[in-house]
Amino acid sequence: MASNTKDQARTEASLKKKELQAREASKAMAEYEAASRALVEKTAKLRSLRLAREAAEAEARAKKPPAKAKKAKVAGN
């Protein structure tokens, strides 16, 4: 009978360990997915900010009149 009790205790311990691992695995997966979503959102936000900045810079360059060419100094004059 003692052997049967030990086997039962081992089985229960193994079952509890597997349940704990399953809970931890699902928690880790949820954290991983949340981090992944946050990275995608941050990347999209930064990309849109960069594109807006580049568009504003291009518009500013287009509105700016071209610089006048400077005359070269000639030695001896």
PDB file of N, CA and C in Angstrom:
ATOM      1  N   MET A   1       0.792  -1.184   0.000  1.00  0.00           N
ATOM      2  CA  MET A   1       0.000   0.000   0.000  1.00  0.00           C
ATOM      3  C   MET A   1       0.851   1.273   0.000  1.00  0.00           C
ATOM      4  N   ALA A   2       1.984   1.234   0.644  1.00  0.00           N
ATOM      5  CA  ALA A   2       2.866   2.389   0.698  1.00  0.00           C
ATOM      6  C   ALA A   2       3.358   2.735  -0.705  1.00  0.00           C
ATOM      7  N   SER A   3       3.595   1.719  -1.508  1.00  0.00           N
ATOM      8  CA  SER A   3       4.054   1.934  -2.877  1.00  0.00           C
ATOM      9  C   SER A   3       2.967   2.637  -3.686  1.00  0.00           C
ATOM     10  N   ASN A   4       1.743   2.222  -3.487  1.00  0.00           N
ATOM     11  CA  ASN A   4       0.616   2.819  -4.197  1.00  0.00           C
ATOM     12  C   ASN A   4       0.458   4.295  -3.817  1.00  0.00           C
ATOM     13  N   THR A   5       0.666   4.631  -2.557  1.00  0.00           N
ATOM     14  CA  THR A   5       0.560   6.018  -2.091  1.00  0.00           C
ATOM     15  C   THR A   5       1.680   6.859  -2.685  1.00  0.00           C
ATOM     16  N   LYS A   6       2.886   6.298  -2.765  1.00  0.00           N
ATOM     17  CA  LYS A   6       4.016   7.026  -3.350  1.00  0.00           C
ATOM     18  C   LYS A   6       3.783   7.269  -4.839  1.00  0.00           C
ATOM     19  N   ASP A   7       3.282   6.272  -5.523  1.00  0.00           N
ATOM     20  CA  ASP A   7       2.992   6.427  -6.949  1.00  0.00           C
ATOM     21  C   ASP A   7       1.930   7.506  -7.173  1.00  0.00           C
ATOM     22  N   GLN A   8       0.927   7.499  -6.338  1.00  0.00           N
ATOM     23  CA  GLN A   8      -0.144   8.476  -6.452  1.00  0.00           C
ATOM     24  C   GLN A   8       0.399   9.891  -6.184  1.00  0.00           C
ATOM     25  N   ALA A   9       1.262  10.007  -5.176  1.00  0.00           N
ATOM     26  CA  ALA A   9       1.848  11.307  -4.846  1.00  0.00           C
ATOM     27  C   ALA A   9       2.718  11.801  -6.004  1.00  0.00           C
ATOM     28  N   ARG A  10       3.499  10.917  -6.614  1.00  0.00           N
ATOM     29  CA  ARG A  10       4.328  11.288  -7.758  1.00  0.00           C
ATOM     30  C   ARG A  10       3.467  11.732  -8.940  1.00  0.00           C
ATOM     31  N   THR A  11       2.403  11.002  -9.167  1.00  0.00           N
ATOM     32  CA  THR A  11       1.506  11.336 -10.265  1.00  0.00           C
ATOM     33  C   THR A  11       0.880  12.712 -10.050  1.00  0.00           C
ATOM     34  N   GLU A  12       0.426  12.970  -8.830  1.00  0.00           N
ATOM     35  CA  GLU A  12      -0.168  14.273  -8.524  1.00  0.00           C
ATOM     36  C   GLU A  12       0.860  15.398  -8.664  1.00  0.00           C
ATOM     37  N   ALA A  13       2.076  15.143  -8.193  1.00  0.00           N
ATOM     38  CA  ALA A  13       3.129  16.150  -8.309  1.00  0.00           C
ATOM     39  C   ALA A  13       3.449  16.433  -9.773  1.00  0.00           C
ATOM     40  N   SER A  14       3.490  15.382 -10.566  1.00  0.00           N
ATOM     41  CA  SER A  14       3.761  15.537 -11.990  1.00  0.00           C
ATOM     42  C   SER A  14       2.641  16.324 -12.669  1.00  0.00           C
ATOM     43  N   LEU A  15       1.414  16.025 -12.304  1.00  0.00           N
ATOM     44  CA  LEU A  15       0.266  16.715 -12.874  1.00  0.00           C
ATOM     45  C   LEU A  15       0.291  18.201 -12.497  1.00  0.00           C
ATOM     46  N   LYS A  16       0.591  18.500 -11.247  1.00  0.00           N
ATOM     47  CA  LYS A  16       0.660  19.892 -10.801  1.00  0.00           C
ATOM     48  C   LYS A  16       1.780  20.638 -11.537  1.00  0.00           C
ATOM     49  N   LYS A  17       2.898  19.963 -11.723  1.00  0.00           N
ATOM     50  CA  LYS A  17       4.022  20.575 -12.424  1.00  0.00           C
ATOM     51  C   LYS A  17       3.641  20.893 -13.871  1.00  0.00           C
ATOM     52  N   LYS A  18       2.955  19.968 -14.530  1.00  0.00           N
ATOM     53  CA  LYS A  18       2.538  20.181 -15.911  1.00  0.00           C
ATOM     54  C   LYS A  18       1.518  21.319 -16.011  1.00  0.00           C
ATOM     55  N   GLU A  19       0.610  21.403 -15.044  1.00  0.00           N
ATOM     56  CA  GLU A  19      -0.383  22.480 -15.038  1.00  0.00           C
ATOM     57  C   GLU A  19       0.312  23.837 -14.858  1.00  0.00           C
ATOM     58  N   LEU A  20       1.293  23.876 -13.964  1.00  0.00           N
ATOM     59  CA  LEU A  20       2.044  25.105 -13.728  1.00  0.00           C
ATOM     60  C   LEU A  20       2.798  25.515 -14.993  1.00  0.00           C
ATOM     61  N   GLN A  21       3.422  24.558 -15.644  1.00  0.00           N
ATOM     62  CA  GLN A  21       4.149  24.850 -16.879  1.00  0.00           C
ATOM     63  C   GLN A  21       3.203  25.367 -17.964  1.00  0.00           C
ATOM     64  N   ALA A  22       2.015  24.799 -18.050  1.00  0.00           N
ATOM     65  CA  ALA A  22       1.039  25.236 -19.045  1.00  0.00           C
ATOM     66  C   ALA A  22       0.597  26.671 -18.769  1.00  0.00           C
ATOM     67  N   ARG A  23       0.345  27.001 -17.497  1.00  0.00           N
ATOM     68  CA  ARG A  23      -0.058  28.375 -17.149  1.00  0.00           C
ATOM     69  C   ARG A  23       1.070  29.362 -17.461  1.00  0.00           C
ATOM     70  N   GLU A  24       2.296  28.989 -17.103  1.00  0.00           N
ATOM     71  CA  GLU A  24       3.434  29.864 -17.354  1.00  0.00           C
ATOM     72  C   GLU A  24       3.674  30.040 -18.855  1.00  0.00           C
ATOM     73  N   ALA A  25       3.469  28.974 -19.605  1.00  0.00           N
ATOM     74  CA  ALA A  25       3.660  29.050 -21.050  1.00  0.00           C
ATOM     75  C   ALA A  25       2.641  29.988 -21.683  1.00  0.00           C
ATOM     76  N   SER A  26       1.392  29.907 -21.249  1.00  0.00           N
ATOM     77  CA  SER A  26       0.380  30.781 -21.835  1.00  0.00           C
ATOM     78  C   SER A  26       0.627  32.228 -21.424  1.00  0.00           C
ATOM     79  N   LYS A  27       1.089  32.447 -20.203  1.00  0.00           N
ATOM     80  CA  LYS A  27       1.410  33.804 -19.747  1.00  0.00           C
ATOM     81  C   LYS A  27       2.589  34.357 -20.551  1.00  0.00           C
ATOM     82  N   ALA A  28       3.613  33.554 -20.757  1.00  0.00           N
ATOM     83  CA  ALA A  28       4.780  33.985 -21.522  1.00  0.00           C
ATOM     84  C   ALA A  28       4.387  34.289 -22.966  1.00  0.00           C
ATOM     85  N   MET A  29       3.517  33.486 -23.533  1.00  0.00           N
ATOM     86  CA  MET A  29       3.078  33.709 -24.913  1.00  0.00           C
ATOM     87  C   MET A  29       2.296  35.011 -25.011  1.00  0.00           C
ATOM     88  N   ALA A  30       1.453  35.298 -24.047  1.00  0.00           N
ATOM     89  CA  ALA A  30       0.685  36.541 -24.051  1.00  0.00           C
ATOM     90  C   ALA A  30       1.624  37.743 -23.951  1.00  0.00           C
ATOM     91  N   GLU A  31       2.636  37.652 -23.107  1.00  0.00           N
ATOM     92  CA  GLU A  31       3.622  38.734 -22.980  1.00  0.00           C
ATOM     93  C   GLU A  31       4.388  38.928 -24.280  1.00  0.00           C
ATOM     94  N   TYR A  32       4.769  37.828 -24.907  1.00  0.00           N
ATOM     95  CA  TYR A  32       5.493  37.884 -26.181  1.00  0.00           C
ATOM     96  C   TYR A  32       4.644  38.560 -27.256  1.00  0.00           C
ATOM     97  N   GLU A  33       3.370  38.166 -27.346  1.00  0.00           N
ATOM     98  CA  GLU A  33       2.482  38.747 -28.350  1.00  0.00           C
ATOM     99  C   GLU A  33       2.253  40.231 -28.089  1.00  0.00           C
ATOM    100  N   ALA A  34       2.118  40.612 -26.825  1.00  0.00           N
ATOM    101  CA  ALA A  34       1.926  42.026 -26.487  1.00  0.00           C
ATOM    102  C   ALA A  34       3.162  42.838 -26.875  1.00  0.00           C
ATOM    103  N   ALA A  35       4.327  42.309 -26.598  1.00  0.00           N
ATOM    104  CA  ALA A  35       5.567  42.998 -26.959  1.00  0.00           C
ATOM    105  C   ALA A  35       5.694  43.111 -28.477  1.00  0.00           C
ATOM    106  N   SER A  36       5.298  42.086 -29.173  1.00  0.00           N
ATOM    107  CA  SER A  36       5.360  42.089 -30.628  1.00  0.00           C
ATOM    108  C   SER A  36       4.411  43.142 -31.198  1.00  0.00           C
ATOM    109  N   ARG A  37       3.188  43.207 -30.677  1.00  0.00           N
ATOM    110  CA  ARG A  37       2.229  44.215 -31.136  1.00  0.00           C
ATOM    111  C   ARG A  37       2.753  45.623 -30.852  1.00  0.00           C
ATOM    112  N   ALA A  38       3.334  45.808 -29.679  1.00  0.00           N
ATOM    113  CA  ALA A  38       3.862  47.129 -29.317  1.00  0.00           C
ATOM    114  C   ALA A  38       4.978  47.532 -30.274  1.00  0.00           C
ATOM    115  N   LEU A  39       5.827  46.599 -30.643  1.00  0.00           N
ATOM    116  CA  LEU A  39       6.917  46.884 -31.570  1.00  0.00           C
ATOM    117  C   LEU A  39       6.379  47.280 -32.944  1.00  0.00           C
ATOM    118  N   VAL A  40       5.379  46.560 -33.417  1.00  0.00           N
ATOM    119  CA  VAL A  40       4.785  46.863 -34.726  1.00  0.00           C
ATOM    120  C   VAL A  40       4.142  48.248 -34.696  1.00  0.00           C
ATOM    121  N   GLU A  41       3.427  48.552 -33.619  1.00  0.00           N
ATOM    122  CA  GLU A  41       2.777  49.863 -33.509  1.00  0.00           C
ATOM    123  C   GLU A  41       3.805  50.991 -33.436  1.00  0.00           C
ATOM    124  N   LYS A  42       4.858  50.776 -32.666  1.00  0.00           N
ATOM    125  CA  LYS A  42       5.897  51.800 -32.534  1.00  0.00           C
ATOM    126  C   LYS A  42       6.591  52.029 -33.873  1.00  0.00           C
ATOM    127  N   THR A  43       6.877  50.965 -34.591  1.00  0.00           N
ATOM    128  CA  THR A  43       7.525  51.074 -35.891  1.00  0.00           C
ATOM    129  C   THR A  43       6.638  51.846 -36.866  1.00  0.00           C
ATOM    130  N   ALA A  44       5.342  51.546 -36.869  1.00  0.00           N
ATOM    131  CA  ALA A  44       4.415  52.245 -37.760  1.00  0.00           C
ATOM    132  C   ALA A  44       4.341  53.725 -37.405  1.00  0.00           C
ATOM    133  N   LYS A  45       4.314  54.037 -36.132  1.00  0.00           N
ATOM    134  CA  LYS A  45       4.257  55.434 -35.691  1.00  0.00           C
ATOM    135  C   LYS A  45       5.520  56.180 -36.124  1.00  0.00           C
ATOM    136  N   LEU A  46       6.673  55.570 -35.888  1.00  0.00           N
ATOM    137  CA  LEU A  46       7.934  56.213 -36.271  1.00  0.00           C
ATOM    138  C   LEU A  46       8.030  56.391 -37.783  1.00  0.00           C
ATOM    139  N   ARG A  47       7.559  55.419 -38.535  1.00  0.00           N
ATOM    140  CA  ARG A  47       7.591  55.514 -39.992  1.00  0.00           C
ATOM    141  C   ARG A  47       6.719  56.676 -40.461  1.00  0.00           C
ATOM    142  N   SER A  48       5.519  56.804 -39.896  1.00  0.00           N
ATOM    143  CA  SER A  48       4.641  57.890 -40.319  1.00  0.00           C
ATOM    144  C   SER A  48       5.236  59.244 -39.948  1.00  0.00           C
ATOM    145  N   LEU A  49       5.861  59.338 -38.778  1.00  0.00           N
ATOM    146  CA  LEU A  49       6.510  60.586 -38.391  1.00  0.00           C
ATOM    147  C   LEU A  49       7.659  60.925 -39.336  1.00  0.00           C
ATOM    148  N   ARG A  50       8.450  59.925 -39.708  1.00  0.00           N
ATOM    149  CA  ARG A  50       9.573  60.159 -40.622  1.00  0.00           C
ATOM    150  C   ARG A  50       9.068  60.606 -41.985  1.00  0.00           C
ATOM    151  N   LEU A  51       8.038  59.950 -42.495  1.00  0.00           N
ATOM    152  CA  LEU A  51       7.505  60.323 -43.808  1.00  0.00           C
ATOM    153  C   LEU A  51       6.925  61.738 -43.785  1.00  0.00           C
ATOM    154  N   ALA A  52       6.256  62.095 -42.700  1.00  0.00           N
ATOM    155  CA  ALA A  52       5.710  63.451 -42.586  1.00  0.00           C
ATOM    156  C   ALA A  52       6.832  64.481 -42.537  1.00  0.00           C
ATOM    157  N   ARG A  53       7.897  64.179 -41.786  1.00  0.00           N
ATOM    158  CA  ARG A  53       9.041  65.091 -41.697  1.00  0.00           C
ATOM    159  C   ARG A  53       9.701  65.249 -43.057  1.00  0.00           C
ATOM    160  N   GLU A  54       9.896  64.140 -43.764  1.00  0.00           N
ATOM    161  CA  GLU A  54      10.526  64.196 -45.089  1.00  0.00           C
ATOM    162  C   GLU A  54       9.664  64.985 -46.069  1.00  0.00           C
ATOM    163  N   ALA A  55       8.345  64.832 -45.995  1.00  0.00           N
ATOM    164  CA  ALA A  55       7.449  65.570 -46.881  1.00  0.00           C
ATOM    165  C   ALA A  55       7.522  67.061 -46.575  1.00  0.00           C
ATOM    166  N   ALA A  56       7.563  67.424 -45.287  1.00  0.00           N
ATOM    167  CA  ALA A  56       7.659  68.826 -44.900  1.00  0.00           C
ATOM    168  C   ALA A  56       8.984  69.423 -45.359  1.00  0.00           C
ATOM    169  N   GLU A  57      10.057  68.670 -45.252  1.00  0.00           N
ATOM    170  CA  GLU A  57      11.367  69.151 -45.699  1.00  0.00           C
ATOM    171  C   GLU A  57      11.392  69.342 -47.211  1.00  0.00           C
ATOM    172  N   ALA A  58      10.788  68.431 -47.944  1.00  0.00           N
ATOM    173  CA  ALA A  58      10.748  68.531 -49.403  1.00  0.00           C
ATOM    174  C   ALA A  58       9.920  69.745 -49.815  1.00  0.00           C
ATOM    175  N   GLU A  59       8.809  69.979 -49.111  1.00  0.00           N
ATOM    176  CA  GLU A  59       7.970  71.136 -49.415  1.00  0.00           C
ATOM    177  C   GLU A  59       8.722  72.430 -49.114  1.00  0.00           C
ATOM    178  N   ALA A  60       9.466  72.463 -48.025  1.00  0.00           N
ATOM    179  CA  ALA A  60      10.235  73.656 -47.673  1.00  0.00           C
ATOM    180  C   ALA A  60      11.327  73.917 -48.712  1.00  0.00           C
ATOM    181  N   ARG A  61      11.968  72.861 -49.195  1.00  0.00           N
ATOM    182  CA  ARG A  61      12.999  73.025 -50.231  1.00  0.00           C
ATOM    183  C   ARG A  61      12.379  73.536 -51.529  1.00  0.00           C
ATOM    184  N   ALA A  62      11.176  73.087 -51.849  1.00  0.00           N
ATOM    185  CA  ALA A  62      10.514  73.500 -53.083  1.00  0.00           C
ATOM    186  C   ALA A  62      10.109  74.964 -53.019  1.00  0.00           C
ATOM    187  N   LYS A  63       9.729  75.441 -51.856  1.00  0.00           N
ATOM    188  CA  LYS A  63       9.298  76.839 -51.706  1.00  0.00           C
ATOM    189  C   LYS A  63      10.473  77.807 -51.635  1.00  0.00           C
ATOM    190  N   LYS A  64      11.623  77.327 -51.210  1.00  0.00           N
ATOM    191  CA  LYS A  64      12.797  78.184 -51.048  1.00  0.00           C
ATOM    192  C   LYS A  64      13.341  78.565 -52.418  1.00  0.00           C
ATOM    193  N   PRO A  65      13.578  79.875 -52.641  1.00  0.00           N
ATOM    194  CA  PRO A  65      14.124  80.271 -53.946  1.00  0.00           C
ATOM    195  C   PRO A  65      15.557  79.771 -54.083  1.00  0.00           C
ATOM    196  N   PRO A  66      15.964  79.509 -55.303  1.00  0.00           N
ATOM    197  CA  PRO A  66      17.343  79.016 -55.483  1.00  0.00           C
ATOM    198  C   PRO A  66      18.351  80.093 -55.091  1.00  0.00           C
ATOM    199  N   ALA A  67      19.448  79.664 -54.534  1.00  0.00           N
ATOM    200  CA  ALA A  67      20.491  80.592 -54.109  1.00  0.00           C
ATOM    201  C   ALA A  67      21.191  81.161 -55.336  1.00  0.00           C
ATOM    202  N   LYS A  68      21.562  82.460 -55.272  1.00  0.00           N
ATOM    203  CA  LYS A  68      22.267  83.091 -56.388  1.00  0.00           C
ATOM    204  C   LYS A  68      23.714  82.608 -56.398  1.00  0.00           C
ATOM    205  N   ALA A  69      24.216  82.408 -57.576  1.00  0.00           N
ATOM    206  CA  ALA A  69      25.594  81.962 -57.728  1.00  0.00           C
ATOM    207  C   ALA A  69      26.521  83.127 -57.405  1.00  0.00           C
ATOM    208  N   LYS A  70      27.540  82.898 -56.640  1.00  0.00           N
ATOM    209  CA  LYS A  70      28.513  83.938 -56.309  1.00  0.00           C
ATOM    210  C   LYS A  70      29.559  84.025 -57.415  1.00  0.00           C
ATOM    211  N   LYS A  71      29.973  85.247 -57.690  1.00  0.00           N
ATOM    212  CA  LYS A  71      31.020  85.433 -58.685  1.00  0.00           C
ATOM    213  C   LYS A  71      32.361  85.085 -58.084  1.00  0.00           C
ATOM    214  N   ALA A  72      33.166  84.433 -58.847  1.00  0.00           N
ATOM    215  CA  ALA A  72      34.504  84.074 -58.385  1.00  0.00           C
ATOM    216  C   ALA A  72      35.397  85.286 -58.443  1.00  0.00           C
ATOM    217  N   LYS A  73      36.203  85.454 -57.460  1.00  0.00           N
ATOM    218  CA  LYS A  73      37.151  86.573 -57.437  1.00  0.00           C
ATOM    219  C   LYS A  73      38.325  86.233 -58.361  1.00  0.00           C
ATOM    220  N   VAL A  74      38.703  87.205 -59.116  1.00  0.00           N
ATOM    221  CA  VAL A  74      39.823  87.013 -60.028  1.00  0.00           C
ATOM    222  C   VAL A  74      41.004  87.712 -59.408  1.00  0.00           C
ATOM    223  N   ALA A  75      42.123  87.019 -59.315  1.00  0.00           N
ATOM    224  CA  ALA A  75      43.333  87.590 -58.732  1.00  0.00           C
ATOM    225  C   ALA A  75      43.919  88.648 -59.669  1.00  0.00           C
ATOM    226  N   GLY A  76      44.390  89.724 -59.108  1.00  0.00           N
ATOM    227  CA  GLY A  76      45.053  90.759 -59.879  1.00  0.00           C
ATOM    228  C   GLY A  76      44.145  91.874 -60.320  1.00  0.00           C
ATOM    229  N   ASN A  77      42.928  91.911 -59.958  1.00  0.00           N
ATOM    230  CA  ASN A  77      42.023  93.003 -60.347  1.00  0.00           C
ATOM    231  C   ASN A  77      41.994  94.067 -59.334  1.00  0.00           C
TER     232      ASN A  77
END
